[in-house]
């Protein structure tokens, strides 16, 4: 596996953790790829994961089951994999949601 392949695999691991945690919390997920919303209000991890790396950056929007906005995560692909989550809505629910993904990103960085 090349370095680029490994970096993309690590980015997918971090994002996968985020998606798993969001679905476990009961959130719906929308994915914006800098031009379109190919995934809207979904409970499908596979649908979101299939869209990753289609552009250089993307956003994942999280909503409650009654469609109330929780927050957004900005993804930037191609930097260090632990930096794939470039920014996010800073509020209590989002800070809690990101604990697992941030811990995994820290673990990946420590092994780099």
PDB file of N, CA and C in Angstrom:
ATOM      1  N   UNK A   1       0.848  -1.172   0.000  1.00  0.00           N
ATOM      2  CA  UNK A   1       0.000   0.000   0.000  1.00  0.00           C
ATOM      3  C   UNK A   1       0.895   1.238   0.000  1.00  0.00           C
ATOM      4  N   UNK A   2       0.580   2.177  -0.902  1.00  0.00           N
ATOM      5  CA  UNK A   2       1.363   3.405  -0.969  1.00  0.00           C
ATOM      6  C   UNK A   2       0.990   4.323   0.194  1.00  0.00           C
ATOM      7  N   UNK A   3       1.797   5.334   0.385  1.00  0.00           N
ATOM      8  CA  UNK A   3       1.516   6.309   1.438  1.00  0.00           C
ATOM      9  C   UNK A   3       0.165   6.985   1.203  1.00  0.00           C
ATOM     10  N   UNK A   4      -0.129   7.336  -0.043  1.00  0.00           N
ATOM     11  CA  UNK A   4      -1.404   7.971  -0.355  1.00  0.00           C
ATOM     12  C   UNK A   4      -2.553   7.026  -0.034  1.00  0.00           C
ATOM     13  N   UNK A   5      -2.415   5.753  -0.411  1.00  0.00           N
ATOM     14  CA  UNK A   5      -3.463   4.772  -0.110  1.00  0.00           C
ATOM     15  C   UNK A   5      -3.661   4.633   1.395  1.00  0.00           C
ATOM     16  N   UNK A   6      -2.557   4.600   2.137  1.00  0.00           N
ATOM     17  CA  UNK A   6      -2.655   4.468   3.592  1.00  0.00           C
ATOM     18  C   UNK A   6      -3.298   5.706   4.202  1.00  0.00           C
ATOM     19  N   UNK A   7      -2.922   6.881   3.705  1.00  0.00           N
ATOM     20  CA  UNK A   7      -3.528   8.115   4.211  1.00  0.00           C
ATOM     21  C   UNK A   7      -5.032   8.127   3.965  1.00  0.00           C
ATOM     22  N   UNK A   8      -5.450   7.730   2.762  1.00  0.00           N
ATOM     23  CA  UNK A   8      -6.880   7.689   2.477  1.00  0.00           C
ATOM     24  C   UNK A   8      -7.590   6.654   3.352  1.00  0.00           C
ATOM     25  N   UNK A   9      -6.949   5.518   3.588  1.00  0.00           N
ATOM     26  CA  UNK A   9      -7.540   4.499   4.461  1.00  0.00           C
ATOM     27  C   UNK A   9      -7.690   5.042   5.880  1.00  0.00           C
ATOM     28  N   UNK A  10      -6.693   5.776   6.350  1.00  0.00           N
ATOM     29  CA  UNK A  10      -6.774   6.363   7.693  1.00  0.00           C
ATOM     30  C   UNK A  10      -7.841   7.456   7.751  1.00  0.00           C
ATOM     31  N   UNK A  11      -7.947   8.261   6.700  1.00  0.00           N
ATOM     32  CA  UNK A  11      -9.027   9.261   6.654  1.00  0.00           C
ATOM     33  C   UNK A  11     -10.385   8.564   6.732  1.00  0.00           C
ATOM     34  N   UNK A  12     -10.537   7.478   6.001  1.00  0.00           N
ATOM     35  CA  UNK A  12     -11.793   6.725   6.008  1.00  0.00           C
ATOM     36  C   UNK A  12     -12.085   6.142   7.396  1.00  0.00           C
ATOM     37  N   UNK A  13     -11.048   5.713   8.099  1.00  0.00           N
ATOM     38  CA  UNK A  13     -11.242   5.193   9.455  1.00  0.00           C
ATOM     39  C   UNK A  13     -11.782   6.277  10.381  1.00  0.00           C
ATOM     40  N   UNK A  14     -11.192   7.468  10.313  1.00  0.00           N
ATOM     41  CA  UNK A  14     -11.630   8.581  11.166  1.00  0.00           C
ATOM     42  C   UNK A  14     -13.073   8.956  10.834  1.00  0.00           C
ATOM     43  N   UNK A  15     -13.368   9.105   9.553  1.00  0.00           N
ATOM     44  CA  UNK A  15     -14.720   9.478   9.149  1.00  0.00           C
ATOM     45  C   UNK A  15     -15.703   8.350   9.473  1.00  0.00           C
ATOM     46  N   UNK A  16     -15.277   7.113   9.283  1.00  0.00           N
ATOM     47  CA  UNK A  16     -16.130   5.980   9.627  1.00  0.00           C
ATOM     48  C   UNK A  16     -16.490   5.959  11.100  1.00  0.00           C
ATOM     49  N   UNK A  17     -15.524   6.298  11.949  1.00  0.00           N
ATOM     50  CA  UNK A  17     -15.800   6.381  13.389  1.00  0.00           C
ATOM     51  C   UNK A  17     -16.835   7.465  13.666  1.00  0.00           C
ATOM     52  N   UNK A  18     -16.678   8.603  13.025  1.00  0.00           N
ATOM     53  CA  UNK A  18     -17.628   9.698  13.189  1.00  0.00           C
ATOM     54  C   UNK A  18     -19.029   9.269  12.758  1.00  0.00           C
ATOM     55  N   UNK A  19     -19.128   8.614  11.617  1.00  0.00           N
ATOM     56  CA  UNK A  19     -20.425   8.165  11.104  1.00  0.00           C
ATOM     57  C   UNK A  19     -21.035   7.130  12.043  1.00  0.00           C
ATOM     58  N   UNK A  20     -20.235   6.168  12.494  1.00  0.00           N
ATOM     59  CA  UNK A  20     -20.738   5.156  13.435  1.00  0.00           C
ATOM     60  C   UNK A  20     -21.305   5.809  14.690  1.00  0.00           C
ATOM     61  N   UNK A  21     -20.565   6.774  15.227  1.00  0.00           N
ATOM     62  CA  UNK A  21     -21.003   7.448  16.453  1.00  0.00           C
ATOM     63  C   UNK A  21     -22.271   8.266  16.211  1.00  0.00           C
ATOM     64  N   UNK A  22     -22.360   8.900  15.048  1.00  0.00           N
ATOM     65  CA  UNK A  22     -23.547   9.691  14.730  1.00  0.00           C
ATOM     66  C   UNK A  22     -24.780   8.803  14.587  1.00  0.00           C
ATOM     67  N   UNK A  23     -24.628   7.692  13.911  1.00  0.00           N
ATOM     68  CA  UNK A  23     -25.758   6.787  13.747  1.00  0.00           C
ATOM     69  C   UNK A  23     -26.168   6.176  15.086  1.00  0.00           C
ATOM     70  N   UNK A  24     -25.187   5.852  15.921  1.00  0.00           N
ATOM     71  CA  UNK A  24     -25.495   5.316  17.251  1.00  0.00           C
ATOM     72  C   UNK A  24     -26.250   6.333  18.105  1.00  0.00           C
ATOM     73  N   UNK A  25     -25.993   7.612  17.856  1.00  0.00           N
ATOM     74  CA  UNK A  25     -26.684   8.678  18.585  1.00  0.00           C
ATOM     75  C   UNK A  25     -28.056   8.993  17.978  1.00  0.00           C
ATOM     76  N   UNK A  26     -28.381   8.339  16.863  1.00  0.00           N
ATOM     77  CA  UNK A  26     -29.684   8.548  16.244  1.00  0.00           C
ATOM     78  C   UNK A  26     -29.743   9.692  15.253  1.00  0.00           C
ATOM     79  N   UNK A  27     -28.591  10.209  14.826  1.00  0.00           N
ATOM     80  CA  UNK A  27     -28.578  11.335  13.895  1.00  0.00           C
ATOM     81  C   UNK A  27     -28.773  10.879  12.456  1.00  0.00           C
ATOM     82  N   UNK A  28     -29.343  11.753  11.659  1.00  0.00           N
ATOM     83  CA  UNK A  28     -29.411  11.595  10.217  1.00  0.00           C
ATOM     84  C   UNK A  28     -28.226  12.334   9.619  1.00  0.00           C
ATOM     85  N   UNK A  29     -27.739  11.840   8.495  1.00  0.00           N
ATOM     86  CA  UNK A  29     -26.507  12.373   7.918  1.00  0.00           C
ATOM     87  C   UNK A  29     -26.751  12.833   6.493  1.00  0.00           C
ATOM     88  N   UNK A  30     -26.275  14.046   6.200  1.00  0.00           N
ATOM     89  CA  UNK A  30     -26.284  14.573   4.837  1.00  0.00           C
ATOM     90  C   UNK A  30     -24.844  14.867   4.446  1.00  0.00           C
ATOM     91  N   UNK A  31     -24.520  14.640   3.179  1.00  0.00           N
ATOM     92  CA  UNK A  31     -23.149  14.799   2.694  1.00  0.00           C
ATOM     93  C   UNK A  31     -23.151  15.771   1.520  1.00  0.00           C
ATOM     94  N   UNK A  32     -22.363  16.833   1.648  1.00  0.00           N
ATOM     95  CA  UNK A  32     -22.227  17.858   0.613  1.00  0.00           C
ATOM     96  C   UNK A  32     -20.835  17.772   0.019  1.00  0.00           C
ATOM     97  N   UNK A  33     -20.738  17.658  -1.305  1.00  0.00           N
ATOM     98  CA  UNK A  33     -19.438  17.454  -1.960  1.00  0.00           C
ATOM     99  C   UNK A  33     -18.947  18.670  -2.729  1.00  0.00           C
ATOM    100  N   UNK A  34     -19.264  19.849  -2.251  1.00  0.00           N
ATOM    101  CA  UNK A  34     -18.855  21.102  -2.901  1.00  0.00           C
ATOM    102  C   UNK A  34     -19.573  21.336  -4.221  1.00  0.00           C
ATOM    103  N   UNK A  35     -20.808  20.910  -4.312  1.00  0.00           N
ATOM    104  CA  UNK A  35     -21.593  21.181  -5.501  1.00  0.00           C
ATOM    105  C   UNK A  35     -22.960  20.535  -5.456  1.00  0.00           C
ATOM    106  N   UNK A  36     -23.101  19.525  -4.629  1.00  0.00           N
ATOM    107  CA  UNK A  36     -24.346  18.782  -4.581  1.00  0.00           C
ATOM    108  C   UNK A  36     -24.476  18.088  -3.227  1.00  0.00           C
ATOM    109  N   UNK A  37     -25.668  17.660  -2.922  1.00  0.00           N
ATOM    110  CA  UNK A  37     -25.959  16.864  -1.722  1.00  0.00           C
ATOM    111  C   UNK A  37     -26.301  15.441  -2.176  1.00  0.00           C
ATOM    112  N   UNK A  38     -25.300  14.604  -2.483  1.00  0.00           N
ATOM    113  CA  UNK A  38     -25.606  13.251  -2.953  1.00  0.00           C
ATOM    114  C   UNK A  38     -26.230  12.353  -1.884  1.00  0.00           C
ATOM    115  N   UNK A  39     -26.070  12.722  -0.624  1.00  0.00           N
ATOM    116  CA  UNK A  39     -26.683  11.972   0.479  1.00  0.00           C
ATOM    117  C   UNK A  39     -27.443  12.980   1.328  1.00  0.00           C
ATOM    118  N   UNK A  40     -28.730  12.713   1.539  1.00  0.00           N
ATOM    119  CA  UNK A  40     -29.573  13.639   2.311  1.00  0.00           C
ATOM    120  C   UNK A  40     -30.339  12.878   3.388  1.00  0.00           C
ATOM    121  N   UNK A  41     -30.219  13.363   4.622  1.00  0.00           N
ATOM    122  CA  UNK A  41     -30.993  12.831   5.752  1.00  0.00           C
ATOM    123  C   UNK A  41     -30.983  11.298   5.771  1.00  0.00           C
ATOM    124  N   UNK A  42     -29.798  10.731   5.734  1.00  0.00           N
ATOM    125  CA  UNK A  42     -29.640   9.290   5.585  1.00  0.00           C
ATOM    126  C   UNK A  42     -29.212   8.621   6.886  1.00  0.00           C
ATOM    127  N   UNK A  43     -29.527   7.341   6.985  1.00  0.00           N
ATOM    128  CA  UNK A  43     -29.025   6.493   8.064  1.00  0.00           C
ATOM    129  C   UNK A  43     -28.064   5.455   7.501  1.00  0.00           C
ATOM    130  N   UNK A  44     -27.540   5.693   6.300  1.00  0.00           N
ATOM    131  CA  UNK A  44     -26.689   4.728   5.616  1.00  0.00           C
ATOM    132  C   UNK A  44     -25.219   5.152   5.661  1.00  0.00           C
ATOM    133  N   UNK A  45     -24.448   4.430   6.438  1.00  0.00           N
ATOM    134  CA  UNK A  45     -23.000   4.670   6.468  1.00  0.00           C
ATOM    135  C   UNK A  45     -22.405   4.413   5.089  1.00  0.00           C
ATOM    136  N   UNK A  46     -22.867   3.368   4.437  1.00  0.00           N
ATOM    137  CA  UNK A  46     -22.329   3.005   3.125  1.00  0.00           C
ATOM    138  C   UNK A  46     -22.523   4.121   2.111  1.00  0.00           C
ATOM    139  N   UNK A  47     -23.669   4.783   2.146  1.00  0.00           N
ATOM    140  CA  UNK A  47     -23.934   5.869   1.199  1.00  0.00           C
ATOM    141  C   UNK A  47     -22.945   7.012   1.388  1.00  0.00           C
ATOM    142  N   UNK A  48     -22.662   7.348   2.634  1.00  0.00           N
ATOM    143  CA  UNK A  48     -21.713   8.430   2.910  1.00  0.00           C
ATOM    144  C   UNK A  48     -20.304   8.002   2.533  1.00  0.00           C
ATOM    145  N   UNK A  49     -19.908   6.820   2.950  1.00  0.00           N
ATOM    146  CA  UNK A  49     -18.540   6.358   2.699  1.00  0.00           C
ATOM    147  C   UNK A  49     -18.257   6.246   1.196  1.00  0.00           C
ATOM    148  N   UNK A  50     -19.275   5.938   0.398  1.00  0.00           N
ATOM    149  CA  UNK A  50     -19.100   5.819  -1.050  1.00  0.00           C
ATOM    150  C   UNK A  50     -18.765   7.166  -1.697  1.00  0.00           C
ATOM    151  N   UNK A  51     -19.115   8.254  -1.052  1.00  0.00           N
ATOM    152  CA  UNK A  51     -18.884   9.586  -1.615  1.00  0.00           C
ATOM    153  C   UNK A  51     -17.514  10.169  -1.250  1.00  0.00           C
ATOM    154  N   UNK A  52     -16.843   9.592  -0.263  1.00  0.00           N
ATOM    155  CA  UNK A  52     -15.572  10.163   0.203  1.00  0.00           C
ATOM    156  C   UNK A  52     -14.545  10.227  -0.914  1.00  0.00           C
ATOM    157  N   UNK A  53     -13.736  11.269  -0.895  1.00  0.00           N
ATOM    158  CA  UNK A  53     -12.636  11.506  -1.826  1.00  0.00           C
ATOM    159  C   UNK A  53     -13.104  11.796  -3.248  1.00  0.00           C
ATOM    160  N   UNK A  54     -14.387  12.108  -3.443  1.00  0.00           N
ATOM    161  CA  UNK A  54     -14.854  12.484  -4.777  1.00  0.00           C
ATOM    162  C   UNK A  54     -14.478  13.926  -5.095  1.00  0.00           C
ATOM    163  N   UNK A  55     -14.172  14.704  -4.069  1.00  0.00           N
ATOM    164  CA  UNK A  55     -13.709  16.091  -4.215  1.00  0.00           C
ATOM    165  C   UNK A  55     -12.612  16.318  -3.177  1.00  0.00           C
ATOM    166  N   UNK A  56     -12.007  17.479  -3.194  1.00  0.00           N
ATOM    167  CA  UNK A  56     -10.940  17.791  -2.249  1.00  0.00           C
ATOM    168  C   UNK A  56     -11.426  18.121  -0.848  1.00  0.00           C
ATOM    169  N   UNK A  57     -12.683  18.541  -0.759  1.00  0.00           N
ATOM    170  CA  UNK A  57     -13.267  18.817   0.548  1.00  0.00           C
ATOM    171  C   UNK A  57     -14.760  18.533   0.490  1.00  0.00           C
ATOM    172  N   UNK A  58     -15.335  18.358   1.655  1.00  0.00           N
ATOM    173  CA  UNK A  58     -16.760  18.052   1.741  1.00  0.00           C
ATOM    174  C   UNK A  58     -17.271  18.471   3.109  1.00  0.00           C
ATOM    175  N   UNK A  59     -18.589  18.432   3.266  1.00  0.00           N
ATOM    176  CA  UNK A  59     -19.212  18.711   4.555  1.00  0.00           C
ATOM    177  C   UNK A  59     -20.157  17.570   4.892  1.00  0.00           C
ATOM    178  N   UNK A  60     -20.202  17.237   6.162  1.00  0.00           N
ATOM    179  CA  UNK A  60     -21.211  16.306   6.647  1.00  0.00           C
ATOM    180  C   UNK A  60     -22.084  17.093   7.617  1.00  0.00           C
ATOM    181  N   UNK A  61     -23.389  17.056   7.355  1.00  0.00           N
ATOM    182  CA  UNK A  61     -24.341  17.750   8.219  1.00  0.00           C
ATOM    183  C   UNK A  61     -25.102  16.700   9.030  1.00  0.00           C
ATOM    184  N   UNK A  62     -25.240  16.955  10.310  1.00  0.00           N
ATOM    185  CA  UNK A  62     -25.935  16.045  11.211  1.00  0.00           C
ATOM    186  C   UNK A  62     -27.233  16.689  11.661  1.00  0.00           C
ATOM    187  N   UNK A  63     -28.301  15.883  11.655  1.00  0.00           N
ATOM    188  CA  UNK A  63     -29.619  16.341  12.059  1.00  0.00           C
ATOM    189  C   UNK A  63     -30.256  15.304  12.966  1.00  0.00           C
ATOM    190  N   UNK A  64     -31.175  15.751  13.778  1.00  0.00           N
ATOM    191  CA  UNK A  64     -31.928  14.825  14.618  1.00  0.00           C
ATOM    192  C   UNK A  64     -32.970  14.109  13.757  1.00  0.00           C
ATOM    193  N   UNK A  65     -33.601  13.103  14.319  1.00  0.00           N
ATOM    194  CA  UNK A  65     -34.599  12.338  13.560  1.00  0.00           C
ATOM    195  C   UNK A  65     -35.806  13.192  13.170  1.00  0.00           C
ATOM    196  N   UNK A  66     -36.026  14.290  13.879  1.00  0.00           N
ATOM    197  CA  UNK A  66     -37.101  15.210  13.492  1.00  0.00           C
ATOM    198  C   UNK A  66     -36.567  16.394  12.668  1.00  0.00           C
ATOM    199  N   UNK A  67     -35.387  16.183  12.074  1.00  0.00           N
ATOM    200  CA  UNK A  67     -34.766  17.089  11.091  1.00  0.00           C
ATOM    201  C   UNK A  67     -34.271  18.406  11.671  1.00  0.00           C
ATOM    202  N   UNK A  68     -33.990  18.460  12.953  1.00  0.00           N
ATOM    203  CA  UNK A  68     -33.391  19.659  13.540  1.00  0.00           C
ATOM    204  C   UNK A  68     -31.873  19.594  13.355  1.00  0.00           C
ATOM    205  N   UNK A  69     -31.320  20.718  12.929  1.00  0.00           N
ATOM    206  CA  UNK A  69     -29.882  20.824  12.668  1.00  0.00           C
ATOM    207  C   UNK A  69     -29.086  20.678  13.969  1.00  0.00           C
ATOM    208  N   UNK A  70     -28.063  19.828  13.932  1.00  0.00           N
ATOM    209  CA  UNK A  70     -27.165  19.639  15.080  1.00  0.00           C
ATOM    210  C   UNK A  70     -25.835  20.334  14.823  1.00  0.00           C
ATOM    211  N   UNK A  71     -25.272  20.127  13.633  1.00  0.00           N
ATOM    212  CA  UNK A  71     -23.988  20.740  13.315  1.00  0.00           C
ATOM    213  C   UNK A  71     -23.413  20.204  12.020  1.00  0.00           C
ATOM    214  N   UNK A  72     -22.279  20.771  11.649  1.00  0.00           N
ATOM    215  CA  UNK A  72     -21.595  20.425  10.401  1.00  0.00           C
ATOM    216  C   UNK A  72     -20.127  20.133  10.700  1.00  0.00           C
ATOM    217  N   UNK A  73     -19.575  19.176   9.969  1.00  0.00           N
ATOM    218  CA  UNK A  73     -18.149  18.884   9.999  1.00  0.00           C
ATOM    219  C   UNK A  73     -17.588  19.175   8.608  1.00  0.00           C
ATOM    220  N   UNK A  74     -16.516  19.940   8.549  1.00  0.00           N
ATOM    221  CA  UNK A  74     -15.815  20.205   7.296  1.00  0.00           C
ATOM    222  C   UNK A  74     -14.684  19.192   7.160  1.00  0.00           C
ATOM    223  N   UNK A  75     -14.684  18.479   6.043  1.00  0.00           N
ATOM    224  CA  UNK A  75     -13.630  17.514   5.753  1.00  0.00           C
ATOM    225  C   UNK A  75     -12.720  18.083   4.667  1.00  0.00           C
ATOM    226  N   UNK A  76     -11.405  17.951   4.856  1.00  0.00           N
ATOM    227  CA  UNK A  76     -10.434  18.318   3.832  1.00  0.00           C
ATOM    228  C   UNK A  76      -9.565  17.096   3.615  1.00  0.00           C
ATOM    229  N   UNK A  77      -9.600  16.584   2.387  1.00  0.00           N
ATOM    230  CA  UNK A  77      -8.872  15.364   2.053  1.00  0.00           C
ATOM    231  C   UNK A  77      -7.477  15.676   1.524  1.00  0.00           C
ATOM    232  N   UNK A  78      -6.542  14.783   1.789  1.00  0.00           N
ATOM    233  CA  UNK A  78      -5.222  14.877   1.190  1.00  0.00           C
ATOM    234  C   UNK A  78      -4.150  15.512   2.049  1.00  0.00           C
ATOM    235  N   UNK A  79      -4.510  16.030   3.205  1.00  0.00           N
ATOM    236  CA  UNK A  79      -3.502  16.501   4.150  1.00  0.00           C
ATOM    237  C   UNK A  79      -3.118  15.317   5.023  1.00  0.00           C
ATOM    238  N   UNK A  80      -2.591  15.539   6.169  1.00  0.00           N
ATOM    239  CA  UNK A  80      -2.344  14.447   7.095  1.00  0.00           C
ATOM    240  C   UNK A  80      -3.688  13.839   7.477  1.00  0.00           C
ATOM    241  N   UNK A  81      -3.788  12.504   7.535  1.00  0.00           N
ATOM    242  CA  UNK A  81      -5.094  11.882   7.773  1.00  0.00           C
ATOM    243  C   UNK A  81      -5.729  12.266   9.102  1.00  0.00           C
ATOM    244  N   UNK A  82      -4.925  12.620  10.082  1.00  0.00           N
ATOM    245  CA  UNK A  82      -5.490  13.028  11.370  1.00  0.00           C
ATOM    246  C   UNK A  82      -6.081  14.432  11.299  1.00  0.00           C
ATOM    247  N   UNK A  83      -5.864  15.127  10.185  1.00  0.00           N
ATOM    248  CA  UNK A  83      -6.415  16.467   9.990  1.00  0.00           C
ATOM    249  C   UNK A  83      -7.616  16.476   9.049  1.00  0.00           C
ATOM    250  N   UNK A  84      -8.152  15.295   8.708  1.00  0.00           N
ATOM    251  CA  UNK A  84      -9.267  15.226   7.766  1.00  0.00           C
ATOM    252  C   UNK A  84     -10.476  16.007   8.274  1.00  0.00           C
ATOM    253  N   UNK A  85     -10.692  16.005   9.591  1.00  0.00           N
ATOM    254  CA  UNK A  85     -11.732  16.855  10.166  1.00  0.00           C
ATOM    255  C   UNK A  85     -11.092  18.217  10.394  1.00  0.00           C
ATOM    256  N   UNK A  86     -11.351  19.126   9.451  1.00  0.00           N
ATOM    257  CA  UNK A  86     -10.669  20.418   9.452  1.00  0.00           C
ATOM    258  C   UNK A  86     -11.369  21.443  10.337  1.00  0.00           C
ATOM    259  N   UNK A  87     -12.682  21.310  10.486  1.00  0.00           N
ATOM    260  CA  UNK A  87     -13.440  22.257  11.288  1.00  0.00           C
ATOM    261  C   UNK A  87     -14.802  21.638  11.577  1.00  0.00           C
ATOM    262  N   UNK A  88     -15.470  22.174  12.565  1.00  0.00           N
ATOM    263  CA  UNK A  88     -16.807  21.678  12.884  1.00  0.00           C
ATOM    264  C   UNK A  88     -17.543  22.689  13.744  1.00  0.00           C
ATOM    265  N   UNK A  89     -18.853  22.542  13.780  1.00  0.00           N
ATOM    266  CA  UNK A  89     -19.689  23.373  14.632  1.00  0.00           C
ATOM    267  C   UNK A  89     -19.295  23.129  16.082  1.00  0.00           C
ATOM    268  N   UNK A  90     -18.990  24.189  16.793  1.00  0.00           N
ATOM    269  CA  UNK A  90     -18.542  24.070  18.188  1.00  0.00           C
ATOM    270  C   UNK A  90     -19.746  24.243  19.114  1.00  0.00           C
ATOM    271  N   UNK A  91     -20.369  23.108  19.426  1.00  0.00           N
ATOM    272  CA  UNK A  91     -21.462  23.114  20.391  1.00  0.00           C
ATOM    273  C   UNK A  91     -21.417  21.801  21.178  1.00  0.00           C
ATOM    274  N   UNK A  92     -22.178  21.709  22.226  1.00  0.00           N
ATOM    275  CA  UNK A  92     -22.138  20.538  23.087  1.00  0.00           C
ATOM    276  C   UNK A  92     -22.385  19.227  22.367  1.00  0.00           C
ATOM    277  N   UNK A  93     -23.471  19.108  21.590  1.00  0.00           N
ATOM    278  CA  UNK A  93     -23.718  17.842  20.903  1.00  0.00           C
ATOM    279  C   UNK A  93     -22.596  17.452  19.936  1.00  0.00           C
ATOM    280  N   UNK A  94     -22.069  18.417  19.196  1.00  0.00           N
ATOM    281  CA  UNK A  94     -21.007  18.105  18.235  1.00  0.00           C
ATOM    282  C   UNK A  94     -19.702  17.760  18.943  1.00  0.00           C
ATOM    283  N   UNK A  95     -19.388  18.483  20.014  1.00  0.00           N
ATOM    284  CA  UNK A  95     -18.170  18.162  20.751  1.00  0.00           C
ATOM    285  C   UNK A  95     -18.220  16.727  21.276  1.00  0.00           C
ATOM    286  N   UNK A  96     -19.382  16.310  21.771  1.00  0.00           N
ATOM    287  CA  UNK A  96     -19.541  14.934  22.230  1.00  0.00           C
ATOM    288  C   UNK A  96     -19.460  13.942  21.092  1.00  0.00           C
ATOM    289  N   UNK A  97     -20.092  14.265  19.970  1.00  0.00           N
ATOM    290  CA  UNK A  97     -20.094  13.383  18.818  1.00  0.00           C
ATOM    291  C   UNK A  97     -18.686  13.134  18.295  1.00  0.00           C
ATOM    292  N   UNK A  98     -17.830  14.129  18.358  1.00  0.00           N
ATOM    293  CA  UNK A  98     -16.489  14.030  17.778  1.00  0.00           C
ATOM    294  C   UNK A  98     -15.460  13.365  18.685  1.00  0.00           C
ATOM    295  N   UNK A  99     -15.825  13.009  19.884  1.00  0.00           N
ATOM    296  CA  UNK A  99     -14.844  12.421  20.810  1.00  0.00           C
ATOM    297  C   UNK A  99     -14.160  11.189  20.229  1.00  0.00           C
ATOM    298  N   UNK A 100     -14.913  10.271  19.700  1.00  0.00           N
ATOM    299  CA  UNK A 100     -14.332   9.035  19.169  1.00  0.00           C
ATOM    300  C   UNK A 100     -13.451   9.277  17.957  1.00  0.00           C
ATOM    301  N   UNK A 101     -13.933  10.080  17.019  1.00  0.00           N
ATOM    302  CA  UNK A 101     -13.157  10.372  15.809  1.00  0.00           C
ATOM    303  C   UNK A 101     -11.878  11.138  16.148  1.00  0.00           C
ATOM    304  N   UNK A 102     -11.970  12.092  17.056  1.00  0.00           N
ATOM    305  CA  UNK A 102     -10.781  12.846  17.453  1.00  0.00           C
ATOM    306  C   UNK A 102      -9.771  11.960  18.175  1.00  0.00           C
ATOM    307  N   UNK A 103     -10.248  11.032  19.000  1.00  0.00           N
ATOM    308  CA  UNK A 103      -9.338  10.103  19.688  1.00  0.00           C
ATOM    309  C   UNK A 103      -8.631   9.213  18.668  1.00  0.00           C
ATOM    310  N   UNK A 104      -9.359   8.731  17.675  1.00  0.00           N
ATOM    311  CA  UNK A 104      -8.746   7.906  16.634  1.00  0.00           C
ATOM    312  C   UNK A 104      -7.743   8.715  15.827  1.00  0.00           C
ATOM    313  N   UNK A 105      -8.076   9.952  15.495  1.00  0.00           N
ATOM    314  CA  UNK A 105      -7.142  10.825  14.758  1.00  0.00           C
ATOM    315  C   UNK A 105      -5.862  11.038  15.570  1.00  0.00           C
ATOM    316  N   UNK A 106      -6.004  11.236  16.879  1.00  0.00           N
ATOM    317  CA  UNK A 106      -4.830  11.404  17.739  1.00  0.00           C
ATOM    318  C   UNK A 106      -3.972  10.140  17.742  1.00  0.00           C
ATOM    319  N   UNK A 107      -4.621   8.988  17.757  1.00  0.00           N
ATOM    320  CA  UNK A 107      -3.902   7.701  17.726  1.00  0.00           C
ATOM    321  C   UNK A 107      -3.136   7.533  16.426  1.00  0.00           C
ATOM    322  N   UNK A 108      -3.766   7.886  15.314  1.00  0.00           N
ATOM    323  CA  UNK A 108      -3.108   7.805  14.006  1.00  0.00           C
ATOM    324  C   UNK A 108      -1.915   8.760  13.958  1.00  0.00           C
ATOM    325  N   UNK A 109      -2.094   9.964  14.469  1.00  0.00           N
ATOM    326  CA  UNK A 109      -0.989  10.939  14.481  1.00  0.00           C
ATOM    327  C   UNK A 109       0.172  10.442  15.335  1.00  0.00           C
ATOM    328  N   UNK A 110      -0.114   9.848  16.454  1.00  0.00           N
ATOM    329  CA  UNK A 110       0.954   9.367  17.352  1.00  0.00           C
ATOM    330  C   UNK A 110       1.775   8.268  16.705  1.00  0.00           C
ATOM    331  N   UNK A 111       1.178   7.521  15.779  1.00  0.00           N
ATOM    332  CA  UNK A 111       1.899   6.435  15.103  1.00  0.00           C
ATOM    333  C   UNK A 111       2.623   6.914  13.861  1.00  0.00           C
ATOM    334  N   UNK A 112       2.390   8.160  13.455  1.00  0.00           N
ATOM    335  CA  UNK A 112       3.005   8.675  12.214  1.00  0.00           C
ATOM    336  C   UNK A 112       4.481   8.939  12.400  1.00  0.00           C
TER     337      UNK A 112
END
